[in-house]
């Protein structure tokens, strides 16, 4: 995505003949990197404790090259790394181009990411208008992270960011007091990856702690972590923060995104099929929202996926036989939705599974017996389904001799 946008922008610059790219690059190289401190916080999320324990003690099915590793402890990124963060312009003539041309070029970037013209009244338009006319950080179109800043602004407006419980944008983007007040109402911390270099998912990252849309590098916004090496978004995480609206498909172009954790909100709509383009995704946790529709088949292509947590939504349809592709899945919850049909026999291929919950769906039936051999070999496991008889003389909806809990309750 980044290369495509770079080529796209370069062609536009040649035709405009109004900017020297070399001068812009020299300004970028001389600008101080504003990356935030390394993530060293702690948390106690019970679901993830199960997963991390599994990863650190018995996650032997992963080939050694599945996840990138670090040669040492995290370090503060150098200001001279090739893929620099979003930085404000430093010249007296911002970006070296006219405001009109800057607006046109940023619009071209937004349209490239969003797949067509920006429509009036959409979250894309609000994000673009902010980027062009309200963002005091004043990103230039030739900045390699301009697209990332647009995507995160689109995420903010798509999920009704102005009504989040905390870390919403300031009431005035150019008022220091309003910015300070927004930052004071922002105490969100992302969940760290325990185990350091011993964890196969570990990468050195930065952690944001500022209110969204404030005039700082976007990796400094709360709920965001970015990879030190690339300054690209690695994680988006919110729990109980009042996120609403819909999931923006533009997240597909966050090429390094590995963790998408948006729990206990009021997000509606469907899971975008475009999420299938997020090839590095490891955690997809969208539980306790109001999502509808089916699980897109593209989700089953995430061979790196460790957690797929979709319980307590309004999802429907069937569980695809493609579920068998997720050989590294440790945690899988689809309970309390509206799924129907038979549990596919390919579920038995989830040999890394430690936690699975399938209960309280509309009419999900079949058998989980194929999971019993692998899951019962784990030191501890959780498997829940509608495996109690439906009534006197009636069979259970789901056959499961190894389930740790059965519904309906008796």
Foldseek 3Di string as FASTA:
>chain_A
DLVVLLVVLVVVCVVVVQDDVVVVVVQQLPDDADFADWDDDADCDPVVVLLLVLQLPPLPVDDLPLFDFDPDADDAFDSRAPQGFFAFGDDPPGLRDDLVVQLVLLQVLLCVLQVHHDDPPALLVVLSCCQSPAQPRNTGSNRSCSSVSSLVSSQCSQQVVCPWQALGQFPHQPDPVSQVVRLVRWDAWDHDNPDARSGRHDATKTAARGRPSHNDGRNNRHQWIAGSNNRATAGGEDERGAGEHEGDLSVLPSQNHAYYYDYQYAYEEEDDLSVLSNQNHAEDAYANYAYEEEDHPSVLQNCNYAEDHYDNYAYEEEDDLSVLSNCNHAYEEHEPYAYADEDDLSVLSNLNYAEYEHAHYNQYAEEPCSVQVRNVVDPHGAYEYQQDAPDVPGGTRYHDPRHPYHDPDD
